[in-house]
Amino acid sequence: MTATASTARGDRHDLTYAVLGWAVAYGGVRLAWTLGEAPDFGRFGLDLLGFTGWRSVALCVAAGVLAVALDRATTWRPVLAGIAWTVAGTLIAAAAILLPEVVGFLLFTVGPYFDPVAFASRLGCVIGAILLGLATARYQRRTRGDCPDCCRTIRPGPRRSAPARWARWAAYAAVAGLVTRFAAQAVVGFDSLTHDALVIRLEIGLLLAGVLLPLALVHRWGEIWPRWVPLLAGRTIPRLLLLVPGFGIGVGIVAYFGMGFVQVASGSGSEFSDTFLWVAMSSYCVMGLGLVSASSDYHLRTRSACGACGR
């Protein structure tokens, strides 16, 4: 066994143990809350959406079982990978309220419904989703590719430097989703939004995330600092500077407003009409999916070449 293969196997087991440790720790908390008395979770009353009680315990058990299955599998099984990604996505959706809370922290404020115990619970849920997602991604790299070092599936040859056409369309769709969202707000009026400084800062942040970020992912100035940037002009932009917010905001938006669809469909009350809510949330989901797609292409395009196969 080569040193590279031995290291890869060790990393694989470490990730499996991390998921199992999370499943035992977080699942134990969920089990205690299910059998005993859960906290009040402040004014909102819930820590997770749609998956509380025994359903939350079942998610933790499923994550642990899947981690072991992914570790032991030696061949590519798309059904296994699909189930693992589904459970990871479900964990993120259950903790969807974490998105506005994190945005609030970035704006140096917290909302009236913030509760530290609920926040810690949602953060723990997302950590489990991330660990399971990393384990699933490692399983895919290990079983799908033909290079023992990188396990990539693309054909050997010159590396692609230009964004794929579908990535450009995804980035423009993200921008269009944000524009549609503001157009829908213009129809019902901005009166309720212009008197709150926090909301104004949030809208400015949305403009940056929904316009500059997706465009940067598919244009050259998203890889090399433009000439008008002091001290940094001409230098390579760190990949994570775009990938972390691209994937993070994109997945968070899809999870948050995807669960919003469920609430609207179940008849949850709101000061806005159902038509406005459907248009607004659909626009946000398009924006989130566009960000995730453009970020995926940016990742594939800017990652380091494999030293063994050159891909």
Protein backbone atom coordinates (compact mmCIF):
# COMPACT_ATOMS: atom_id res chain seq x y z
CA MET A 1 0.00 0.00 0.00
CA THR A 2 1.41 3.40 -0.99
CA ALA A 3 1.79 6.26 1.47
CA THR A 4 -0.87 8.23 -0.42
CA ALA A 5 -3.37 5.39 -0.27
CA SER A 6 -2.65 4.80 3.42
CA THR A 7 -3.17 8.49 4.22
CA ALA A 8 -6.41 8.58 2.21
CA ARG A 9 -7.72 5.53 4.07
CA GLY A 10 -6.82 7.08 7.42
CA ASP A 11 -8.58 10.32 6.50
CA ARG A 12 -11.60 8.34 5.39
CA HIS A 13 -11.89 6.55 8.72
CA ASP A 14 -11.36 9.79 10.64
CA LEU A 15 -14.29 11.35 8.81
CA THR A 16 -16.43 8.30 9.52
CA TYR A 17 -15.60 8.51 13.21
CA ALA A 18 -16.42 12.22 13.18
CA VAL A 19 -19.92 11.55 11.78
CA LEU A 20 -20.46 8.72 14.27
CA GLY A 21 -19.30 10.94 17.14
CA TRP A 22 -21.67 13.67 16.05
CA ALA A 23 -24.55 11.19 15.68
CA VAL A 24 -24.01 9.89 19.21
CA ALA A 25 -23.56 13.33 20.80
CA TYR A 26 -26.23 15.30 18.96
CA GLY A 27 -28.55 12.32 18.68
CA GLY A 28 -28.21 11.79 22.42
CA VAL A 29 -29.32 15.36 23.06
CA ARG A 30 -32.28 14.96 20.71
CA LEU A 31 -33.23 11.68 22.40
CA ALA A 32 -33.06 13.29 25.85
CA TRP A 33 -35.28 16.14 24.67
CA THR A 34 -37.71 13.68 23.10
CA LEU A 35 -38.00 11.45 26.16
CA GLY A 36 -37.85 14.30 28.66
CA GLU A 37 -38.70 17.95 28.37
CA ALA A 38 -37.20 20.08 25.61
CA PRO A 39 -36.27 23.74 26.23
CA ASP A 40 -38.74 26.48 25.36
CA PHE A 41 -36.46 27.90 22.62
CA GLY A 42 -37.52 31.47 23.26
CA ARG A 43 -40.34 33.30 21.51
CA PHE A 44 -40.09 31.20 18.34
CA GLY A 45 -40.76 27.98 20.24
CA LEU A 46 -38.78 25.64 17.93
CA ASP A 47 -35.13 24.92 17.20
CA LEU A 48 -35.61 22.84 14.03
CA LEU A 49 -38.23 22.97 11.30
CA GLY A 50 -40.21 19.86 10.45
CA PHE A 51 -37.83 17.43 12.17
CA THR A 52 -38.27 17.47 15.91
CA GLY A 53 -38.90 14.66 18.39
CA TRP A 54 -38.33 11.16 17.09
CA ARG A 55 -37.83 12.39 13.53
CA SER A 56 -34.73 14.31 14.60
CA VAL A 57 -33.42 11.20 16.40
CA ALA A 58 -34.05 9.14 13.25
CA LEU A 59 -32.01 11.62 11.18
CA CYS A 60 -29.05 11.25 13.54
CA VAL A 61 -29.26 7.44 13.41
CA ALA A 62 -29.52 7.53 9.61
CA ALA A 63 -26.44 9.76 9.36
CA GLY A 64 -24.39 7.38 11.51
CA VAL A 65 -25.50 4.29 9.57
CA LEU A 66 -24.78 5.98 6.26
CA ALA A 67 -21.31 7.04 7.40
CA VAL A 68 -20.43 3.40 8.10
CA ALA A 69 -21.96 2.25 4.81
CA LEU A 70 -20.01 4.87 2.85
CA ASP A 71 -16.80 3.86 4.60
CA ARG A 72 -17.20 0.15 3.86
CA ALA A 73 -18.44 0.43 0.28
CA THR A 74 -15.70 -0.27 -2.28
CA THR A 75 -17.64 0.37 -5.50
CA TRP A 76 -19.71 3.27 -6.78
CA ARG A 77 -23.33 2.94 -5.69
CA PRO A 78 -25.35 5.96 -6.84
CA VAL A 79 -28.36 5.02 -4.70
CA LEU A 80 -26.22 5.02 -1.55
CA ALA A 81 -24.72 8.40 -2.45
CA GLY A 82 -28.15 9.78 -3.28
CA ILE A 83 -29.59 8.72 0.08
CA ALA A 84 -26.60 10.21 1.92
CA TRP A 85 -26.94 13.55 0.11
CA THR A 86 -30.69 13.52 0.84
CA VAL A 87 -30.12 13.06 4.58
CA ALA A 88 -27.46 15.79 4.58
CA GLY A 89 -29.84 18.12 2.75
CA THR A 90 -32.65 17.28 5.16
CA LEU A 91 -30.42 18.20 8.11
CA ILE A 92 -29.66 21.56 6.52
CA ALA A 93 -33.34 22.17 5.76
CA ALA A 94 -34.27 21.36 9.35
CA ALA A 95 -31.85 24.04 10.57
CA ALA A 96 -32.85 26.56 7.91
CA ILE A 97 -33.53 29.30 10.48
CA LEU A 98 -29.78 29.44 11.03
CA LEU A 99 -29.43 31.52 7.83
CA PRO A 100 -31.09 34.74 9.07
CA GLU A 101 -29.38 34.30 12.43
CA VAL A 102 -25.93 34.14 10.83
CA VAL A 103 -26.81 37.13 8.65
CA GLY A 104 -27.80 38.97 11.82
CA PHE A 105 -24.42 38.22 13.39
CA LEU A 106 -22.67 39.55 10.28
CA LEU A 107 -24.68 42.75 10.69
CA PHE A 108 -23.73 42.90 14.39
CA THR A 109 -27.25 42.34 15.66
CA VAL A 110 -29.70 39.58 16.60
CA GLY A 111 -33.40 39.38 15.95
CA PRO A 112 -36.14 39.41 18.59
CA TYR A 113 -36.61 35.65 18.25
CA PHE A 114 -32.96 34.73 18.90
CA ASP A 115 -32.41 32.06 21.53
CA PRO A 116 -28.88 30.77 22.31
CA VAL A 117 -29.98 27.18 22.96
CA ALA A 118 -31.96 27.01 19.72
CA PHE A 119 -29.04 28.58 17.84
CA ALA A 120 -26.61 26.00 19.27
CA SER A 121 -29.00 23.20 18.30
CA ARG A 122 -29.31 24.45 14.72
CA LEU A 123 -25.56 24.90 14.46
CA GLY A 124 -25.04 21.35 15.69
CA CYS A 125 -27.50 20.07 13.11
CA VAL A 126 -25.65 21.87 10.29
CA ILE A 127 -22.31 20.54 11.51
CA GLY A 128 -23.69 17.03 11.14
CA ALA A 129 -24.87 17.82 7.62
CA ILE A 130 -21.43 19.14 6.69
CA LEU A 131 -19.65 16.09 8.09
CA LEU A 132 -21.98 13.69 6.29
CA GLY A 133 -21.62 15.73 3.08
CA LEU A 134 -17.81 15.55 3.32
CA ALA A 135 -18.00 11.79 3.89
CA THR A 136 -20.27 11.39 0.86
CA ALA A 137 -18.02 13.55 -1.33
CA ARG A 138 -14.98 11.51 -0.27
CA TYR A 139 -16.82 8.30 -1.10
CA GLN A 140 -17.62 9.63 -4.57
CA ARG A 141 -14.02 10.64 -5.22
CA ARG A 142 -12.80 7.28 -3.98
CA THR A 143 -15.11 5.10 -6.08
CA ARG A 144 -16.02 7.05 -9.23
CA GLY A 145 -12.68 8.19 -10.68
CA ASP A 146 -9.86 6.27 -12.33
CA CYS A 147 -6.89 8.11 -10.79
CA PRO A 148 -5.83 6.68 -7.40
CA ASP A 149 -4.61 10.09 -6.23
CA CYS A 150 -7.50 12.42 -7.12
CA CYS A 151 -10.28 10.05 -8.30
CA ARG A 152 -11.43 12.63 -10.87
CA THR A 153 -13.72 11.58 -13.70
CA ILE A 154 -12.94 14.24 -16.31
CA ARG A 155 -10.84 13.31 -19.33
CA PRO A 156 -7.11 14.09 -19.25
CA GLY A 157 -6.14 17.13 -21.32
CA PRO A 158 -5.93 20.93 -21.16
CA ARG A 159 -7.64 22.44 -18.15
CA ARG A 160 -10.72 24.53 -18.85
CA SER A 161 -10.13 28.20 -18.08
CA ALA A 162 -13.44 29.71 -19.22
CA PRO A 163 -16.72 29.21 -17.36
CA ALA A 164 -19.13 26.68 -18.82
CA ARG A 165 -22.14 28.10 -20.63
CA TRP A 166 -24.51 26.58 -18.09
CA ALA A 167 -22.58 28.28 -15.29
CA ARG A 168 -23.01 31.69 -16.93
CA TRP A 169 -26.72 31.09 -17.33
CA ALA A 170 -26.90 30.02 -13.69
CA ALA A 171 -25.16 33.21 -12.55
CA TYR A 172 -27.46 35.39 -14.64
CA ALA A 173 -30.45 33.43 -13.31
CA ALA A 174 -29.31 34.24 -9.76
CA VAL A 175 -29.22 37.94 -10.63
CA ALA A 176 -32.62 37.68 -12.33
CA GLY A 177 -34.02 35.97 -9.23
CA LEU A 178 -32.92 38.88 -7.05
CA VAL A 179 -34.30 41.44 -9.50
CA THR A 180 -37.64 39.60 -9.55
CA ARG A 181 -37.67 39.56 -5.75
CA PHE A 182 -37.24 43.33 -5.57
CA ALA A 183 -39.79 43.83 -8.34
CA ALA A 184 -42.33 41.87 -6.31
CA GLN A 185 -41.54 44.02 -3.29
CA ALA A 186 -42.01 47.16 -5.39
CA VAL A 187 -45.53 46.00 -6.22
CA VAL A 188 -46.55 45.72 -2.56
CA GLY A 189 -44.43 48.70 -1.49
CA PHE A 190 -41.23 49.32 0.46
CA ASP A 191 -42.86 51.31 3.26
CA SER A 192 -42.47 48.56 5.84
CA LEU A 193 -38.79 48.08 4.95
CA THR A 194 -37.41 51.61 4.85
CA HIS A 195 -37.83 52.42 8.55
CA ASP A 196 -35.67 49.60 9.92
CA ALA A 197 -31.89 50.06 9.73
CA LEU A 198 -31.31 46.31 10.05
CA VAL A 199 -33.58 45.55 7.12
CA ILE A 200 -31.86 48.21 5.01
CA ARG A 201 -28.46 46.69 5.73
CA LEU A 202 -29.87 43.25 4.92
CA GLU A 203 -31.14 44.48 1.56
CA ILE A 204 -27.71 45.94 0.77
CA GLY A 205 -26.15 42.61 1.65
CA LEU A 206 -28.62 40.85 -0.63
CA LEU A 207 -27.60 43.10 -3.51
CA LEU A 208 -23.95 42.17 -2.98
CA ALA A 209 -24.71 38.45 -2.65
CA GLY A 210 -27.20 38.38 -5.51
CA VAL A 211 -25.35 40.51 -8.05
CA LEU A 212 -21.62 40.83 -7.40
CA LEU A 213 -21.08 37.30 -6.09
CA PRO A 214 -22.70 35.31 -8.94
CA LEU A 215 -21.11 37.54 -11.58
CA ALA A 216 -17.68 37.22 -9.95
CA LEU A 217 -18.01 33.43 -10.12
CA VAL A 218 -18.21 33.49 -13.94
CA HIS A 219 -15.98 36.43 -14.87
CA ARG A 220 -12.24 36.94 -14.90
CA TRP A 221 -12.39 39.59 -12.18
CA GLY A 222 -13.57 36.84 -9.87
CA GLU A 223 -10.17 35.12 -10.21
CA ILE A 224 -7.75 38.06 -10.48
CA TRP A 225 -8.17 41.28 -8.51
CA PRO A 226 -9.08 44.11 -10.94
CA ARG A 227 -6.63 46.96 -11.57
CA TRP A 228 -8.72 49.42 -9.57
CA VAL A 229 -8.33 47.45 -6.30
CA PRO A 230 -5.56 49.10 -4.24
CA LEU A 231 -2.61 46.89 -3.21
CA LEU A 232 -4.23 43.71 -4.57
CA ALA A 233 -4.48 44.52 -8.31
CA GLY A 234 -3.29 41.64 -10.46
CA ARG A 235 -3.08 39.11 -7.63
CA THR A 236 -4.98 35.84 -7.59
CA ILE A 237 -8.18 35.89 -5.53
CA PRO A 238 -8.25 33.07 -2.92
CA ARG A 239 -10.75 30.45 -4.08
CA LEU A 240 -12.44 30.16 -0.69
CA LEU A 241 -13.21 33.89 -0.70
CA LEU A 242 -15.89 33.16 -3.31
CA LEU A 243 -16.59 29.46 -2.77
CA VAL A 244 -17.51 29.70 0.93
CA PRO A 245 -20.15 32.44 0.49
CA GLY A 246 -21.21 31.02 -2.89
CA PHE A 247 -22.01 27.56 -1.57
CA GLY A 248 -22.95 28.73 1.93
CA ILE A 249 -25.40 31.44 0.91
CA GLY A 250 -26.76 29.41 -1.99
CA VAL A 251 -27.48 26.29 0.06
CA GLY A 252 -28.78 28.37 2.97
CA ILE A 253 -31.21 30.31 0.79
CA VAL A 254 -32.56 27.17 -0.88
CA ALA A 255 -33.02 25.46 2.51
CA TYR A 256 -34.61 28.47 4.21
CA PHE A 257 -37.06 29.42 1.48
CA GLY A 258 -37.67 25.79 0.52
CA MET A 259 -39.00 25.27 4.04
CA GLY A 260 -40.92 28.53 3.57
CA PHE A 261 -42.75 26.89 0.68
CA VAL A 262 -43.83 24.11 3.04
CA GLN A 263 -45.12 26.63 5.58
CA VAL A 264 -47.10 28.57 2.96
CA ALA A 265 -48.55 25.35 1.56
CA SER A 266 -49.61 24.33 5.07
CA GLY A 267 -51.52 27.57 5.49
CA SER A 268 -49.24 29.44 7.89
CA GLY A 269 -50.45 33.01 8.45
CA SER A 270 -48.58 36.02 7.06
CA GLU A 271 -49.15 39.72 6.55
CA PHE A 272 -48.43 39.26 2.83
CA SER A 273 -50.61 37.59 0.21
CA ASP A 274 -49.90 34.04 -0.91
CA THR A 275 -49.15 35.33 -4.43
CA PHE A 276 -46.42 37.64 -3.16
CA LEU A 277 -44.95 34.91 -0.95
CA TRP A 278 -44.83 32.38 -3.79
CA VAL A 279 -43.17 34.85 -6.16
CA ALA A 280 -40.69 36.10 -3.54
CA MET A 281 -39.68 32.67 -2.30
CA SER A 282 -39.44 31.25 -5.83
CA SER A 283 -37.15 34.14 -6.75
CA TYR A 284 -34.94 33.48 -3.74
CA CYS A 285 -34.76 29.77 -4.59
CA VAL A 286 -33.71 30.57 -8.16
CA MET A 287 -31.04 32.88 -6.76
CA GLY A 288 -29.79 30.17 -4.38
CA LEU A 289 -29.71 27.45 -7.03
CA GLY A 290 -27.91 29.80 -9.40
CA LEU A 291 -25.26 30.52 -6.77
CA VAL A 292 -24.72 26.82 -6.05
CA SER A 293 -24.42 26.00 -9.76
CA ALA A 294 -22.02 28.86 -10.53
CA SER A 295 -19.96 27.98 -7.45
CA SER A 296 -19.72 24.35 -8.60
CA ASP A 297 -18.27 25.42 -11.94
CA TYR A 298 -15.90 27.87 -10.24
CA HIS A 299 -14.66 25.06 -7.99
CA LEU A 300 -14.03 22.68 -10.90
CA ARG A 301 -12.32 25.40 -12.91
CA THR A 302 -9.98 26.78 -10.27
CA ARG A 303 -8.97 23.73 -8.24
CA SER A 304 -5.33 22.65 -8.31
CA ALA A 305 -4.25 20.12 -10.92
CA CYS A 306 -3.57 16.57 -9.80
CA GLY A 307 0.15 15.81 -9.68
CA ALA A 308 -0.40 12.26 -10.97
CA CYS A 309 -2.83 12.63 -13.88
CA GLY A 310 -2.67 16.38 -14.54
CA ARG A 311 -6.44 16.86 -14.32
